[in-house]
């Protein structure tokens, strides 16, 4: 999830829904699309990223990345 519309390569704004956040409130999803991020091994394409204008921080689901075939490594610092 991200609030930054500029990082989407494509964004389908017809994909409108809601997500629940930590305080049990709902916030509106105003689209779904594909973003590209830089990693230590090159540029990665992540699909089905939600566009949520009212979220404060970008959120990344490790579980969903693993389901999509990504490998996630955590290192010191």
PDB file of N, CA and C in Angstrom:
ATOM      1  N   UNK A   1       0.835  -1.179   0.000  1.00  0.00           N
ATOM      2  CA  UNK A   1       0.000   0.000   0.000  1.00  0.00           C
ATOM      3  C   UNK A   1       0.873   1.234   0.000  1.00  0.00           C
ATOM      4  N   UNK A   2       0.454   2.206  -0.756  1.00  0.00           N
ATOM      5  CA  UNK A   2       1.177   3.468  -0.785  1.00  0.00           C
ATOM      6  C   UNK A   2       0.206   4.620  -1.028  1.00  0.00           C
ATOM      7  N   UNK A   3       0.604   5.794  -0.579  1.00  0.00           N
ATOM      8  CA  UNK A   3      -0.182   6.995  -0.853  1.00  0.00           C
ATOM      9  C   UNK A   3       0.432   7.804  -1.994  1.00  0.00           C
ATOM     10  N   UNK A   4       1.517   7.299  -2.573  1.00  0.00           N
ATOM     11  CA  UNK A   4       2.255   8.027  -3.603  1.00  0.00           C
ATOM     12  C   UNK A   4       1.820   7.576  -4.996  1.00  0.00           C
ATOM     13  N   UNK A   5       0.914   8.315  -5.592  1.00  0.00           N
ATOM     14  CA  UNK A   5       0.385   7.955  -6.911  1.00  0.00           C
ATOM     15  C   UNK A   5       1.471   7.993  -7.983  1.00  0.00           C
ATOM     16  N   UNK A   6       2.498   8.790  -7.786  1.00  0.00           N
ATOM     17  CA  UNK A   6       3.545   8.973  -8.794  1.00  0.00           C
ATOM     18  C   UNK A   6       4.408   7.741  -9.025  1.00  0.00           C
ATOM     19  N   UNK A   7       4.450   6.799  -8.082  1.00  0.00           N
ATOM     20  CA  UNK A   7       5.328   5.634  -8.257  1.00  0.00           C
ATOM     21  C   UNK A   7       4.688   4.519  -9.083  1.00  0.00           C
ATOM     22  N   UNK A   8       3.413   4.651  -9.429  1.00  0.00           N
ATOM     23  CA  UNK A   8       2.737   3.616 -10.204  1.00  0.00           C
ATOM     24  C   UNK A   8       3.105   3.716 -11.674  1.00  0.00           C
ATOM     25  N   UNK A   9       3.426   2.577 -12.279  1.00  0.00           N
ATOM     26  CA  UNK A   9       3.625   2.515 -13.727  1.00  0.00           C
ATOM     27  C   UNK A   9       2.268   2.447 -14.406  1.00  0.00           C
ATOM     28  N   UNK A  10       1.347   1.720 -13.784  1.00  0.00           N
ATOM     29  CA  UNK A  10      -0.034   1.705 -14.237  1.00  0.00           C
ATOM     30  C   UNK A  10      -0.900   1.676 -12.994  1.00  0.00           C
ATOM     31  N   UNK A  11      -2.040   2.326 -13.068  1.00  0.00           N
ATOM     32  CA  UNK A  11      -2.935   2.420 -11.918  1.00  0.00           C
ATOM     33  C   UNK A  11      -4.369   2.357 -12.411  1.00  0.00           C
ATOM     34  N   UNK A  12      -5.091   1.352 -11.956  1.00  0.00           N
ATOM     35  CA  UNK A  12      -6.499   1.182 -12.311  1.00  0.00           C
ATOM     36  C   UNK A  12      -7.338   1.790 -11.195  1.00  0.00           C
ATOM     37  N   UNK A  13      -7.833   2.990 -11.431  1.00  0.00           N
ATOM     38  CA  UNK A  13      -8.598   3.701 -10.401  1.00  0.00           C
ATOM     39  C   UNK A  13     -10.030   3.193 -10.272  1.00  0.00           C
ATOM     40  N   UNK A  14     -10.416   2.231 -11.093  1.00  0.00           N
ATOM     41  CA  UNK A  14     -11.743   1.630 -10.933  1.00  0.00           C
ATOM     42  C   UNK A  14     -11.737   0.576  -9.819  1.00  0.00           C
ATOM     43  N   UNK A  15     -10.557   0.195  -9.358  1.00  0.00           N
ATOM     44  CA  UNK A  15     -10.414  -0.790  -8.282  1.00  0.00           C
ATOM     45  C   UNK A  15     -10.555  -0.081  -6.933  1.00  0.00           C
ATOM     46  N   UNK A  16     -11.776   0.189  -6.525  1.00  0.00           N
ATOM     47  CA  UNK A  16     -12.057   0.921  -5.285  1.00  0.00           C
ATOM     48  C   UNK A  16     -12.563  -0.058  -4.236  1.00  0.00           C
ATOM     49  N   UNK A  17     -12.022   0.067  -3.016  1.00  0.00           N
ATOM     50  CA  UNK A  17     -12.454  -0.780  -1.902  1.00  0.00           C
ATOM     51  C   UNK A  17     -12.052  -0.098  -0.604  1.00  0.00           C
ATOM     52  N   UNK A  18     -12.028  -0.853   0.475  1.00  0.00           N
ATOM     53  CA  UNK A  18     -11.582  -0.327   1.769  1.00  0.00           C
ATOM     54  C   UNK A  18     -10.662  -1.343   2.421  1.00  0.00           C
ATOM     55  N   UNK A  19      -9.756  -0.853   3.271  1.00  0.00           N
ATOM     56  CA  UNK A  19      -8.901  -1.720   4.081  1.00  0.00           C
ATOM     57  C   UNK A  19      -9.045  -1.289   5.536  1.00  0.00           C
ATOM     58  N   UNK A  20      -8.898  -2.245   6.423  1.00  0.00           N
ATOM     59  CA  UNK A  20      -8.963  -1.944   7.848  1.00  0.00           C
ATOM     60  C   UNK A  20      -7.556  -1.675   8.354  1.00  0.00           C
ATOM     61  N   UNK A  21      -7.417  -0.688   9.225  1.00  0.00           N
ATOM     62  CA  UNK A  21      -6.116  -0.341   9.776  1.00  0.00           C
ATOM     63  C   UNK A  21      -6.068  -0.701  11.255  1.00  0.00           C
ATOM     64  N   UNK A  22      -4.926  -0.468  11.890  1.00  0.00           N
ATOM     65  CA  UNK A  22      -4.655  -0.928  13.247  1.00  0.00           C
ATOM     66  C   UNK A  22      -5.648  -0.507  14.307  1.00  0.00           C
ATOM     67  N   UNK A  23      -6.274   0.648  14.168  1.00  0.00           N
ATOM     68  CA  UNK A  23      -7.235   1.095  15.183  1.00  0.00           C
ATOM     69  C   UNK A  23      -8.660   0.651  14.845  1.00  0.00           C
ATOM     70  N   UNK A  24      -8.792  -0.287  13.909  1.00  0.00           N
ATOM     71  CA  UNK A  24     -10.065  -0.866  13.463  1.00  0.00           C
ATOM     72  C   UNK A  24     -10.908   0.082  12.621  1.00  0.00           C
ATOM     73  N   UNK A  25     -10.350   1.199  12.176  1.00  0.00           N
ATOM     74  CA  UNK A  25     -11.025   2.077  11.227  1.00  0.00           C
ATOM     75  C   UNK A  25     -10.771   1.562   9.814  1.00  0.00           C
ATOM     76  N   UNK A  26     -11.589   1.998   8.892  1.00  0.00           N
ATOM     77  CA  UNK A  26     -11.414   1.670   7.488  1.00  0.00           C
ATOM     78  C   UNK A  26     -10.928   2.905   6.744  1.00  0.00           C
ATOM     79  N   UNK A  27     -10.050   2.676   5.762  1.00  0.00           N
ATOM     80  CA  UNK A  27      -9.641   3.753   4.871  1.00  0.00           C
ATOM     81  C   UNK A  27      -9.866   3.283   3.433  1.00  0.00           C
ATOM     82  N   UNK A  28     -10.072   4.243   2.560  1.00  0.00           N
ATOM     83  CA  UNK A  28     -10.473   3.943   1.188  1.00  0.00           C
ATOM     84  C   UNK A  28      -9.281   3.641   0.288  1.00  0.00           C
ATOM     85  N   UNK A  29      -9.405   2.559  -0.464  1.00  0.00           N
ATOM     86  CA  UNK A  29      -8.470   2.219  -1.533  1.00  0.00           C
ATOM     87  C   UNK A  29      -9.020   2.852  -2.797  1.00  0.00           C
ATOM     88  N   UNK A  30      -8.195   3.645  -3.478  1.00  0.00           N
ATOM     89  CA  UNK A  30      -8.663   4.354  -4.669  1.00  0.00           C
ATOM     90  C   UNK A  30      -8.000   3.871  -5.942  1.00  0.00           C
ATOM     91  N   UNK A  31      -7.461   2.648  -5.901  1.00  0.00           N
ATOM     92  CA  UNK A  31      -6.893   2.069  -7.105  1.00  0.00           C
ATOM     93  C   UNK A  31      -5.933   0.936  -6.785  1.00  0.00           C
ATOM     94  N   UNK A  32      -5.545   0.231  -7.845  1.00  0.00           N
ATOM     95  CA  UNK A  32      -4.594  -0.873  -7.727  1.00  0.00           C
ATOM     96  C   UNK A  32      -3.748  -0.883  -8.977  1.00  0.00           C
ATOM     97  N   UNK A  33      -2.441  -1.120  -8.805  1.00  0.00           N
ATOM     98  CA  UNK A  33      -1.583  -1.115  -9.974  1.00  0.00           C
ATOM     99  C   UNK A  33      -0.231  -1.746  -9.730  1.00  0.00           C
ATOM    100  N   UNK A  34       0.715  -1.386 -10.594  1.00  0.00           N
ATOM    101  CA  UNK A  34       2.058  -1.953 -10.587  1.00  0.00           C
ATOM    102  C   UNK A  34       3.074  -0.864 -10.287  1.00  0.00           C
ATOM    103  N   UNK A  35       4.017  -1.192  -9.400  1.00  0.00           N
ATOM    104  CA  UNK A  35       5.117  -0.280  -9.104  1.00  0.00           C
ATOM    105  C   UNK A  35       6.435  -1.010  -9.342  1.00  0.00           C
ATOM    106  N   UNK A  36       7.489  -0.237  -9.572  1.00  0.00           N
ATOM    107  CA  UNK A  36       8.834  -0.778  -9.714  1.00  0.00           C
ATOM    108  C   UNK A  36       9.681  -0.195  -8.603  1.00  0.00           C
ATOM    109  N   UNK A  37      10.438  -1.049  -7.919  1.00  0.00           N
ATOM    110  CA  UNK A  37      11.320  -0.578  -6.851  1.00  0.00           C
ATOM    111  C   UNK A  37      12.743  -1.054  -7.128  1.00  0.00           C
ATOM    112  N   UNK A  38      13.688  -0.293  -6.640  1.00  0.00           N
ATOM    113  CA  UNK A  38      15.098  -0.667  -6.782  1.00  0.00           C
ATOM    114  C   UNK A  38      15.505  -1.526  -5.595  1.00  0.00           C
ATOM    115  N   UNK A  39      16.189  -2.610  -5.877  1.00  0.00           N
ATOM    116  CA  UNK A  39      16.723  -3.474  -4.832  1.00  0.00           C
ATOM    117  C   UNK A  39      18.214  -3.663  -5.070  1.00  0.00           C
ATOM    118  N   UNK A  40      18.860  -4.371  -4.170  1.00  0.00           N
ATOM    119  CA  UNK A  40      20.301  -4.601  -4.319  1.00  0.00           C
ATOM    120  C   UNK A  40      20.615  -5.479  -5.528  1.00  0.00           C
ATOM    121  N   UNK A  41      19.598  -6.190  -6.043  1.00  0.00           N
ATOM    122  CA  UNK A  41      19.821  -7.052  -7.206  1.00  0.00           C
ATOM    123  C   UNK A  41      19.157  -6.516  -8.469  1.00  0.00           C
ATOM    124  N   UNK A  42      18.705  -5.268  -8.430  1.00  0.00           N
ATOM    125  CA  UNK A  42      18.110  -4.667  -9.622  1.00  0.00           C
ATOM    126  C   UNK A  42      16.687  -4.189  -9.387  1.00  0.00           C
ATOM    127  N   UNK A  43      16.041  -3.788 -10.448  1.00  0.00           N
ATOM    128  CA  UNK A  43      14.678  -3.271 -10.383  1.00  0.00           C
ATOM    129  C   UNK A  43      13.689  -4.424 -10.304  1.00  0.00           C
ATOM    130  N   UNK A  44      12.746  -4.298  -9.393  1.00  0.00           N
ATOM    131  CA  UNK A  44      11.726  -5.330  -9.196  1.00  0.00           C
ATOM    132  C   UNK A  44      10.349  -4.757  -9.482  1.00  0.00           C
ATOM    133  N   UNK A  45       9.523  -5.536 -10.146  1.00  0.00           N
ATOM    134  CA  UNK A  45       8.147  -5.163 -10.446  1.00  0.00           C
ATOM    135  C   UNK A  45       7.230  -5.815  -9.426  1.00  0.00           C
ATOM    136  N   UNK A  46       6.389  -5.018  -8.781  1.00  0.00           N
ATOM    137  CA  UNK A  46       5.425  -5.543  -7.818  1.00  0.00           C
ATOM    138  C   UNK A  46       4.030  -5.177  -8.314  1.00  0.00           C
ATOM    139  N   UNK A  47       3.216  -6.202  -8.513  1.00  0.00           N
ATOM    140  CA  UNK A  47       1.861  -5.981  -9.019  1.00  0.00           C
ATOM    141  C   UNK A  47       0.855  -5.996  -7.868  1.00  0.00           C
ATOM    142  N   UNK A  48      -0.340  -5.552  -8.154  1.00  0.00           N
ATOM    143  CA  UNK A  48      -1.454  -5.539  -7.198  1.00  0.00           C
ATOM    144  C   UNK A  48      -1.179  -4.663  -5.980  1.00  0.00           C
ATOM    145  N   UNK A  49      -0.462  -3.572  -6.173  1.00  0.00           N
ATOM    146  CA  UNK A  49      -0.187  -2.620  -5.097  1.00  0.00           C
ATOM    147  C   UNK A  49      -1.395  -1.699  -4.966  1.00  0.00           C
ATOM    148  N   UNK A  50      -1.849  -1.497  -3.734  1.00  0.00           N
ATOM    149  CA  UNK A  50      -3.019  -0.660  -3.485  1.00  0.00           C
ATOM    150  C   UNK A  50      -2.614   0.801  -3.362  1.00  0.00           C
ATOM    151  N   UNK A  51      -3.408   1.659  -3.988  1.00  0.00           N
ATOM    152  CA  UNK A  51      -3.243   3.107  -3.856  1.00  0.00           C
ATOM    153  C   UNK A  51      -4.212   3.590  -2.783  1.00  0.00           C
ATOM    154  N   UNK A  52      -3.659   4.034  -1.646  1.00  0.00           N
ATOM    155  CA  UNK A  52      -4.452   4.457  -0.487  1.00  0.00           C
ATOM    156  C   UNK A  52      -3.992   5.858  -0.089  1.00  0.00           C
ATOM    157  N   UNK A  53      -4.648   6.894  -0.633  1.00  0.00           N
ATOM    158  CA  UNK A  53      -4.185   8.266  -0.402  1.00  0.00           C
ATOM    159  C   UNK A  53      -4.109   8.684   1.068  1.00  0.00           C
ATOM    160  N   UNK A  54      -4.941   8.101   1.924  1.00  0.00           N
ATOM    161  CA  UNK A  54      -4.991   8.539   3.320  1.00  0.00           C
ATOM    162  C   UNK A  54      -4.068   7.770   4.259  1.00  0.00           C
ATOM    163  N   UNK A  55      -3.224   6.901   3.733  1.00  0.00           N
ATOM    164  CA  UNK A  55      -2.307   6.152   4.604  1.00  0.00           C
ATOM    165  C   UNK A  55      -1.048   6.994   4.826  1.00  0.00           C
ATOM    166  N   UNK A  56      -0.494   6.920   6.038  1.00  0.00           N
ATOM    167  CA  UNK A  56       0.662   7.748   6.401  1.00  0.00           C
ATOM    168  C   UNK A  56       1.990   7.207   5.882  1.00  0.00           C
ATOM    169  N   UNK A  57       2.126   5.893   5.815  1.00  0.00           N
ATOM    170  CA  UNK A  57       3.388   5.248   5.441  1.00  0.00           C
ATOM    171  C   UNK A  57       3.137   4.205   4.367  1.00  0.00           C
ATOM    172  N   UNK A  58       4.156   3.912   3.594  1.00  0.00           N
ATOM    173  CA  UNK A  58       4.070   2.783   2.671  1.00  0.00           C
ATOM    174  C   UNK A  58       4.127   1.499   3.485  1.00  0.00           C
ATOM    175  N   UNK A  59       3.290   0.536   3.128  1.00  0.00           N
ATOM    176  CA  UNK A  59       3.284  -0.751   3.814  1.00  0.00           C
ATOM    177  C   UNK A  59       3.574  -1.853   2.808  1.00  0.00           C
ATOM    178  N   UNK A  60       4.435  -2.767   3.215  1.00  0.00           N
ATOM    179  CA  UNK A  60       4.845  -3.868   2.363  1.00  0.00           C
ATOM    180  C   UNK A  60       4.590  -5.161   3.118  1.00  0.00           C
ATOM    181  N   UNK A  61       3.881  -6.087   2.519  1.00  0.00           N
ATOM    182  CA  UNK A  61       3.591  -7.371   3.153  1.00  0.00           C
ATOM    183  C   UNK A  61       4.627  -8.401   2.737  1.00  0.00           C
ATOM    184  N   UNK A  62       5.413  -8.863   3.693  1.00  0.00           N
ATOM    185  CA  UNK A  62       6.423  -9.883   3.408  1.00  0.00           C
ATOM    186  C   UNK A  62       5.737 -11.157   2.933  1.00  0.00           C
ATOM    187  N   UNK A  63       4.639 -11.527   3.576  1.00  0.00           N
ATOM    188  CA  UNK A  63       3.911 -12.739   3.180  1.00  0.00           C
ATOM    189  C   UNK A  63       3.422 -12.688   1.749  1.00  0.00           C
ATOM    190  N   UNK A  64       2.880 -11.550   1.333  1.00  0.00           N
ATOM    191  CA  UNK A  64       2.400 -11.420  -0.037  1.00  0.00           C
ATOM    192  C   UNK A  64       3.545 -11.433  -1.038  1.00  0.00           C
ATOM    193  N   UNK A  65       4.676 -10.857  -0.679  1.00  0.00           N
ATOM    194  CA  UNK A  65       5.838 -10.913  -1.570  1.00  0.00           C
ATOM    195  C   UNK A  65       6.300 -12.360  -1.761  1.00  0.00           C
ATOM    196  N   UNK A  66       6.335 -13.127  -0.676  1.00  0.00           N
ATOM    197  CA  UNK A  66       6.735 -14.532  -0.776  1.00  0.00           C
ATOM    198  C   UNK A  66       5.766 -15.314  -1.651  1.00  0.00           C
ATOM    199  N   UNK A  67       4.464 -15.034  -1.517  1.00  0.00           N
ATOM    200  CA  UNK A  67       3.469 -15.702  -2.352  1.00  0.00           C
ATOM    201  C   UNK A  67       3.671 -15.392  -3.837  1.00  0.00           C
ATOM    202  N   UNK A  68       4.215 -14.224  -4.146  1.00  0.00           N
ATOM    203  CA  UNK A  68       4.455 -13.824  -5.530  1.00  0.00           C
ATOM    204  C   UNK A  68       5.800 -14.330  -6.054  1.00  0.00           C
ATOM    205  N   UNK A  69       6.555 -15.062  -5.221  1.00  0.00           N
ATOM    206  CA  UNK A  69       7.814 -15.639  -5.673  1.00  0.00           C
ATOM    207  C   UNK A  69       9.049 -14.817  -5.360  1.00  0.00           C
ATOM    208  N   UNK A  70       8.892 -13.726  -4.605  1.00  0.00           N
ATOM    209  CA  UNK A  70      10.049 -12.924  -4.213  1.00  0.00           C
ATOM    210  C   UNK A  70      10.800 -13.620  -3.082  1.00  0.00           C
ATOM    211  N   UNK A  71      12.073 -13.314  -2.960  1.00  0.00           N
ATOM    212  CA  UNK A  71      12.867 -13.738  -1.821  1.00  0.00           C
ATOM    213  C   UNK A  71      13.140 -12.494  -0.999  1.00  0.00           C
ATOM    214  N   UNK A  72      12.987 -12.604   0.305  1.00  0.00           N
ATOM    215  CA  UNK A  72      13.181 -11.455   1.191  1.00  0.00           C
ATOM    216  C   UNK A  72      14.301 -11.791   2.169  1.00  0.00           C
ATOM    217  N   UNK A  73      15.306 -10.926   2.212  1.00  0.00           N
ATOM    218  CA  UNK A  73      16.434 -11.111   3.109  1.00  0.00           C
ATOM    219  C   UNK A  73      16.516  -9.928   4.065  1.00  0.00           C
ATOM    220  N   UNK A  74      16.684 -10.211   5.344  1.00  0.00           N
ATOM    221  CA  UNK A  74      16.875  -9.176   6.331  1.00  0.00           C
ATOM    222  C   UNK A  74      18.313  -9.238   6.807  1.00  0.00           C
ATOM    223  N   UNK A  75      18.992  -8.103   6.760  1.00  0.00           N
ATOM    224  CA  UNK A  75      20.377  -8.032   7.184  1.00  0.00           C
ATOM    225  C   UNK A  75      20.541  -6.939   8.220  1.00  0.00           C
ATOM    226  N   UNK A  76      21.654  -6.998   8.909  1.00  0.00           N
ATOM    227  CA  UNK A  76      21.976  -5.963   9.891  1.00  0.00           C
ATOM    228  C   UNK A  76      22.056  -4.602   9.204  1.00  0.00           C
ATOM    229  N   UNK A  77      21.430  -3.615   9.753  1.00  0.00           N
ATOM    230  CA  UNK A  77      21.390  -2.238   9.232  1.00  0.00           C
ATOM    231  C   UNK A  77      20.661  -2.175   7.929  1.00  0.00           C
TER     232      UNK A  77
END
